[in-house]
Amino acid sequence: MSFPHEIDVIRAAALLQQGALVLDVREPAELAVCQLAGCLHVPMQEIPARLAELPPDAPVLVLCHHGGRSARVTMFLRANGIAQAVNVAGGIDAWALQIDPSLRRY
């Protein structure tokens, strides 16, 4: 299956239920505000050094605050062998609005 470069939070939530990995690329201070349980947290600048921690053959849902950083990380991951990396459009903010309103917004 060919994965799109970007999906909305509704589709991302469904993939998460099916066992997809969520890669949160926000900074530690942002994680202190809100985060999804069970995510792998790797700040954007650490991605190149930690690439081996990501599965090359499974969906990786890349998440940030609004979707800008995660879009850049998604392109980097795909260029480096993570073919099923996909950007979560709208980021954690859209997740809080559409999926889990208990998450604190910032």
N, C-alpha and C. Protein backbone atom coordinates (compact mmCIF):
# COMPACT_ATOMS: atom_id res chain seq x y z
N MET A 1 0.83 -1.19 0.00
CA MET A 1 0.00 0.00 0.00
C MET A 1 0.88 1.25 0.00
N SER A 2 0.56 2.18 -0.85
CA SER A 2 1.29 3.44 -0.91
C SER A 2 0.66 4.42 0.06
N PHE A 3 1.46 4.97 0.93
CA PHE A 3 0.96 5.92 1.91
C PHE A 3 1.03 7.33 1.35
N PRO A 4 0.01 8.14 1.62
CA PRO A 4 0.08 9.55 1.21
C PRO A 4 1.14 10.27 2.05
N HIS A 5 1.52 11.44 1.61
CA HIS A 5 2.50 12.23 2.38
C HIS A 5 1.86 12.88 3.60
N GLU A 6 0.53 13.07 3.55
CA GLU A 6 -0.15 13.75 4.65
C GLU A 6 -1.55 13.17 4.82
N ILE A 7 -1.98 13.05 6.10
CA ILE A 7 -3.34 12.61 6.40
C ILE A 7 -3.91 13.52 7.49
N ASP A 8 -5.24 13.50 7.62
CA ASP A 8 -5.86 14.28 8.68
C ASP A 8 -5.86 13.48 9.98
N VAL A 9 -6.23 14.14 11.07
CA VAL A 9 -6.17 13.49 12.38
C VAL A 9 -7.19 12.37 12.52
N ILE A 10 -8.28 12.43 11.78
CA ILE A 10 -9.28 11.35 11.84
C ILE A 10 -8.65 10.05 11.31
N ARG A 11 -8.01 10.13 10.17
CA ARG A 11 -7.33 8.96 9.59
C ARG A 11 -6.16 8.53 10.48
N ALA A 12 -5.43 9.50 11.02
CA ALA A 12 -4.30 9.18 11.90
C ALA A 12 -4.77 8.42 13.14
N ALA A 13 -5.88 8.84 13.72
CA ALA A 13 -6.41 8.16 14.90
C ALA A 13 -6.79 6.73 14.57
N ALA A 14 -7.36 6.52 13.38
CA ALA A 14 -7.72 5.16 12.96
C ALA A 14 -6.46 4.31 12.79
N LEU A 15 -5.42 4.86 12.19
CA LEU A 15 -4.16 4.11 12.02
C LEU A 15 -3.52 3.83 13.37
N LEU A 16 -3.62 4.76 14.30
CA LEU A 16 -3.08 4.54 15.64
C LEU A 16 -3.78 3.36 16.30
N GLN A 17 -5.09 3.27 16.13
CA GLN A 17 -5.85 2.14 16.68
C GLN A 17 -5.41 0.81 16.07
N GLN A 18 -4.88 0.87 14.83
CA GLN A 18 -4.41 -0.33 14.14
C GLN A 18 -2.94 -0.64 14.45
N GLY A 19 -2.33 0.15 15.33
CA GLY A 19 -0.97 -0.14 15.76
C GLY A 19 0.12 0.70 15.13
N ALA A 20 -0.23 1.74 14.40
CA ALA A 20 0.79 2.61 13.82
C ALA A 20 1.57 3.33 14.92
N LEU A 21 2.81 3.63 14.64
CA LEU A 21 3.67 4.37 15.56
C LEU A 21 3.44 5.86 15.35
N VAL A 22 3.27 6.61 16.44
CA VAL A 22 3.22 8.06 16.36
C VAL A 22 4.58 8.59 16.79
N LEU A 23 5.21 9.35 15.92
CA LEU A 23 6.50 9.98 16.18
C LEU A 23 6.23 11.46 16.43
N ASP A 24 6.39 11.88 17.67
CA ASP A 24 6.16 13.28 18.05
C ASP A 24 7.51 14.00 18.01
N VAL A 25 7.62 14.99 17.13
CA VAL A 25 8.91 15.67 16.92
C VAL A 25 8.98 17.02 17.63
N ARG A 26 8.05 17.27 18.55
CA ARG A 26 8.06 18.54 19.29
C ARG A 26 9.16 18.54 20.35
N GLU A 27 9.41 19.72 20.89
CA GLU A 27 10.43 19.91 21.92
C GLU A 27 9.90 19.47 23.29
N PRO A 28 10.80 19.14 24.23
CA PRO A 28 10.37 18.70 25.56
C PRO A 28 9.42 19.67 26.26
N ALA A 29 9.62 20.97 26.13
CA ALA A 29 8.73 21.94 26.77
C ALA A 29 7.32 21.84 26.21
N GLU A 30 7.19 21.51 24.93
CA GLU A 30 5.86 21.34 24.32
C GLU A 30 5.20 20.07 24.84
N LEU A 31 5.99 19.03 25.02
CA LEU A 31 5.46 17.76 25.54
C LEU A 31 4.92 17.94 26.95
N ALA A 32 5.52 18.86 27.71
CA ALA A 32 5.07 19.12 29.07
C ALA A 32 3.66 19.71 29.09
N VAL A 33 3.26 20.36 27.99
CA VAL A 33 1.92 20.94 27.90
C VAL A 33 0.88 19.87 27.61
N CYS A 34 1.15 19.04 26.61
CA CYS A 34 0.24 17.96 26.25
C CYS A 34 0.97 16.96 25.36
N GLN A 35 0.51 15.72 25.42
CA GLN A 35 1.09 14.69 24.57
C GLN A 35 0.14 13.50 24.46
N LEU A 36 0.35 12.72 23.42
CA LEU A 36 -0.41 11.49 23.24
C LEU A 36 0.32 10.35 23.93
N ALA A 37 -0.40 9.52 24.62
CA ALA A 37 0.20 8.37 25.29
C ALA A 37 0.76 7.39 24.26
N GLY A 38 1.90 6.82 24.57
CA GLY A 38 2.47 5.78 23.73
C GLY A 38 3.27 6.26 22.53
N CYS A 39 3.46 7.55 22.41
CA CYS A 39 4.23 8.08 21.27
C CYS A 39 5.72 7.91 21.49
N LEU A 40 6.45 7.86 20.39
CA LEU A 40 7.90 7.96 20.45
C LEU A 40 8.23 9.44 20.31
N HIS A 41 8.92 10.00 21.30
CA HIS A 41 9.27 11.41 21.27
C HIS A 41 10.72 11.58 20.86
N VAL A 42 10.91 12.22 19.71
CA VAL A 42 12.25 12.53 19.21
C VAL A 42 12.20 13.96 18.66
N PRO A 43 12.79 14.92 19.36
CA PRO A 43 12.78 16.29 18.84
C PRO A 43 13.35 16.33 17.40
N MET A 44 12.80 17.23 16.61
CA MET A 44 13.14 17.30 15.19
C MET A 44 14.64 17.24 14.92
N GLN A 45 15.43 18.01 15.65
CA GLN A 45 16.86 18.06 15.36
C GLN A 45 17.59 16.75 15.69
N GLU A 46 16.98 15.86 16.46
CA GLU A 46 17.60 14.58 16.80
C GLU A 46 17.25 13.46 15.82
N ILE A 47 16.34 13.72 14.90
CA ILE A 47 15.88 12.67 13.98
C ILE A 47 17.03 12.00 13.22
N PRO A 48 17.94 12.74 12.59
CA PRO A 48 19.00 12.05 11.82
C PRO A 48 19.81 11.07 12.67
N ALA A 49 20.13 11.43 13.89
CA ALA A 49 20.93 10.57 14.76
C ALA A 49 20.15 9.38 15.28
N ARG A 50 18.82 9.46 15.27
CA ARG A 50 18.00 8.40 15.86
C ARG A 50 17.16 7.65 14.82
N LEU A 51 17.51 7.79 13.57
CA LEU A 51 16.77 7.18 12.46
C LEU A 51 16.60 5.67 12.64
N ALA A 52 17.60 5.01 13.19
CA ALA A 52 17.56 3.55 13.35
C ALA A 52 16.47 3.10 14.33
N GLU A 53 15.92 4.00 15.12
CA GLU A 53 14.87 3.65 16.07
C GLU A 53 13.51 3.49 15.39
N LEU A 54 13.42 3.89 14.13
CA LEU A 54 12.13 3.88 13.43
C LEU A 54 11.99 2.65 12.55
N PRO A 55 10.81 2.07 12.50
CA PRO A 55 10.60 0.88 11.67
C PRO A 55 10.58 1.26 10.18
N PRO A 56 11.38 0.60 9.36
CA PRO A 56 11.42 0.95 7.93
C PRO A 56 10.22 0.45 7.15
N ASP A 57 9.45 -0.46 7.71
CA ASP A 57 8.37 -1.10 6.95
C ASP A 57 7.02 -1.07 7.66
N ALA A 58 6.79 -0.04 8.47
CA ALA A 58 5.52 0.11 9.17
C ALA A 58 5.12 1.58 9.16
N PRO A 59 3.82 1.85 9.31
CA PRO A 59 3.39 3.25 9.32
C PRO A 59 3.99 4.04 10.48
N VAL A 60 4.48 5.23 10.16
CA VAL A 60 5.01 6.16 11.15
C VAL A 60 4.26 7.47 10.97
N LEU A 61 3.43 7.81 11.94
CA LEU A 61 2.64 9.03 11.89
C LEU A 61 3.43 10.15 12.56
N VAL A 62 3.85 11.14 11.79
CA VAL A 62 4.73 12.19 12.31
C VAL A 62 3.88 13.38 12.75
N LEU A 63 4.08 13.79 13.99
CA LEU A 63 3.24 14.79 14.65
C LEU A 63 4.08 15.91 15.24
N CYS A 64 3.60 17.15 15.08
CA CYS A 64 4.20 18.28 15.79
C CYS A 64 3.05 19.17 16.29
N HIS A 65 3.27 20.46 16.44
CA HIS A 65 2.22 21.33 16.96
C HIS A 65 1.12 21.59 15.94
N HIS A 66 1.49 22.06 14.75
CA HIS A 66 0.50 22.36 13.71
C HIS A 66 0.73 21.62 12.40
N GLY A 67 1.86 20.97 12.23
CA GLY A 67 2.10 20.19 11.01
C GLY A 67 3.26 20.65 10.15
N GLY A 68 3.88 21.76 10.46
CA GLY A 68 5.00 22.27 9.67
C GLY A 68 6.28 21.48 9.86
N ARG A 69 6.71 21.34 11.10
CA ARG A 69 7.92 20.57 11.38
C ARG A 69 7.75 19.12 10.98
N SER A 70 6.58 18.56 11.29
CA SER A 70 6.36 17.15 10.97
C SER A 70 6.33 16.92 9.46
N ALA A 71 5.91 17.90 8.68
CA ALA A 71 5.96 17.77 7.21
C ALA A 71 7.40 17.66 6.74
N ARG A 72 8.28 18.49 7.31
CA ARG A 72 9.70 18.43 6.92
C ARG A 72 10.33 17.11 7.36
N VAL A 73 10.00 16.65 8.57
CA VAL A 73 10.52 15.37 9.05
C VAL A 73 10.02 14.23 8.18
N THR A 74 8.76 14.28 7.79
CA THR A 74 8.19 13.23 6.93
C THR A 74 8.98 13.13 5.63
N MET A 75 9.28 14.27 5.01
CA MET A 75 10.06 14.25 3.76
C MET A 75 11.44 13.66 4.00
N PHE A 76 12.08 14.03 5.10
CA PHE A 76 13.40 13.49 5.43
C PHE A 76 13.33 11.98 5.64
N LEU A 77 12.34 11.52 6.39
CA LEU A 77 12.21 10.09 6.67
C LEU A 77 12.00 9.30 5.38
N ARG A 78 11.14 9.78 4.52
CA ARG A 78 10.89 9.08 3.26
C ARG A 78 12.15 9.03 2.40
N ALA A 79 12.91 10.09 2.41
CA ALA A 79 14.16 10.12 1.63
C ALA A 79 15.22 9.20 2.23
N ASN A 80 15.00 8.77 3.48
CA ASN A 80 15.97 7.93 4.17
C ASN A 80 15.41 6.56 4.53
N GLY A 81 14.49 6.06 3.71
CA GLY A 81 14.07 4.67 3.82
C GLY A 81 12.86 4.36 4.65
N ILE A 82 12.21 5.37 5.22
CA ILE A 82 10.99 5.13 6.00
C ILE A 82 9.81 5.44 5.07
N ALA A 83 9.47 4.48 4.23
CA ALA A 83 8.53 4.71 3.13
C ALA A 83 7.11 5.00 3.59
N GLN A 84 6.74 4.54 4.79
CA GLN A 84 5.38 4.74 5.27
C GLN A 84 5.27 5.88 6.28
N ALA A 85 6.25 6.79 6.26
CA ALA A 85 6.15 7.99 7.09
C ALA A 85 5.07 8.88 6.49
N VAL A 86 4.23 9.43 7.35
CA VAL A 86 3.15 10.30 6.89
C VAL A 86 2.95 11.44 7.88
N ASN A 87 2.80 12.65 7.35
CA ASN A 87 2.57 13.83 8.17
C ASN A 87 1.13 13.86 8.67
N VAL A 88 0.96 14.19 9.95
CA VAL A 88 -0.38 14.37 10.51
C VAL A 88 -0.71 15.86 10.40
N ALA A 89 -1.57 16.18 9.44
CA ALA A 89 -1.95 17.57 9.18
C ALA A 89 -2.62 18.19 10.40
N GLY A 90 -2.21 19.39 10.72
CA GLY A 90 -2.81 20.10 11.87
C GLY A 90 -2.18 19.78 13.20
N GLY A 91 -1.38 18.70 13.26
CA GLY A 91 -0.63 18.35 14.45
C GLY A 91 -1.47 18.10 15.69
N ILE A 92 -0.82 18.25 16.83
CA ILE A 92 -1.47 17.99 18.12
C ILE A 92 -2.62 18.96 18.36
N ASP A 93 -2.54 20.15 17.76
CA ASP A 93 -3.62 21.12 17.92
C ASP A 93 -4.91 20.59 17.28
N ALA A 94 -4.81 20.09 16.06
CA ALA A 94 -5.99 19.50 15.39
C ALA A 94 -6.47 18.26 16.14
N TRP A 95 -5.53 17.49 16.69
CA TRP A 95 -5.89 16.30 17.46
C TRP A 95 -6.75 16.71 18.67
N ALA A 96 -6.31 17.77 19.35
CA ALA A 96 -7.06 18.25 20.51
C ALA A 96 -8.45 18.75 20.12
N LEU A 97 -8.56 19.39 18.97
CA LEU A 97 -9.84 19.92 18.52
C LEU A 97 -10.79 18.83 18.04
N GLN A 98 -10.26 17.83 17.33
CA GLN A 98 -11.13 16.87 16.66
C GLN A 98 -11.19 15.48 17.29
N ILE A 99 -10.16 15.09 18.03
CA ILE A 99 -10.10 13.73 18.56
C ILE A 99 -10.21 13.69 20.08
N ASP A 100 -9.39 14.47 20.77
CA ASP A 100 -9.33 14.40 22.23
C ASP A 100 -9.36 15.80 22.84
N PRO A 101 -10.55 16.33 23.10
CA PRO A 101 -10.64 17.68 23.66
C PRO A 101 -10.09 17.82 25.08
N SER A 102 -9.71 16.70 25.71
CA SER A 102 -9.09 16.81 27.03
C SER A 102 -7.64 17.27 26.94
N LEU A 103 -7.05 17.22 25.74
CA LEU A 103 -5.68 17.68 25.57
C LEU A 103 -5.63 19.20 25.69
N ARG A 104 -4.64 19.67 26.41
CA ARG A 104 -4.45 21.12 26.57
C ARG A 104 -3.91 21.71 25.29
N ARG A 105 -4.47 22.80 24.82
CA ARG A 105 -3.99 23.48 23.61
C ARG A 105 -3.06 24.60 23.99
N TYR A 106 -2.12 24.92 23.08
CA TYR A 106 -1.19 26.03 23.31
C TYR A 106 -0.89 26.74 22.03
